[in-house]
Amino acid sequence: MADDAIDVVIADDEELVRAGFELILDATAGIRVVGVAKDGVECVELARRLEPDVVLVDIRMPRLDGLEVTRILAGERTGAAAPNVVVITTFDQDDYVRDALRFGACGFLLKDASPMLLVEAVRAAARGDALVSPAVTVRLLRGFEGGESGPAPSDEAPAGLSERELDIVRLVAVGRTNQEICGELYLSLSTVKTYLARIQAKVAARNRVEIAAWAWQHGVIDPRR
């Protein structure tokens, strides 16, 4: 395995889930699973000892739940050795999403997400970016400002975004991955990444989730559609 491979620790109290994730990720070039844990305490111990790039955690686990694991590991993110966390769960309640992101998670997926989305979430987390399942993104956006709609769309591009940048913002806001954006807009991956970097700077967003929130709050999209 190449030295620049993404090292991953998986934590879930269900053995079949752990095995399934491990099978998918170990079969993906550039990713390797270096440890698996059946509860939150074991997950934190493995993360500290193995220093993975990414940790996948379930929300509900014995001894220490996924939100607390996220808070602990994100709080230790003071150097290159600290991992980024992707939360994976069957429970899609909005509070879980907000708490996971508030505690520093770099992704939030439901367990029925496709293998491709799981892989993309791991890669995004390794880059320090955030990827949230499309269905969760829409639910999360609906919760902003008490669920009321954002401003009406304007003919003027907010934050000085170009039409192409607005196209990318809209796709990010509905949960498209970088590869999917490439396919829909006929752009190269490097071009999409360049656009995203510019967009984040213009709208003062730290990640994709904040881009999506900004898009709704400024009337670029309507998540209730």
Foldseek 3Di string as FASTA:
>chain_A
DDPQAFEEEEEALDPVLQVVLQVLQCVDPRYHYPYYYNFLVVQLVCCVVVLGQEYEAEQDGPPAGPLRSLLVLQVVPPDNSRYAYEYEYQDLDLVVVVSSVVSGHQEYYYSPDDSVVVVLQSVCRSVVAHAYALVSLLVNLCPPPNNDFADADDPDDPLPDDPVLLVLLVCLLSGDGLVRVCVVVVHDSVVSVVSVVVQCVSQVHPHSSVSNNSCRNNNSDTSVD
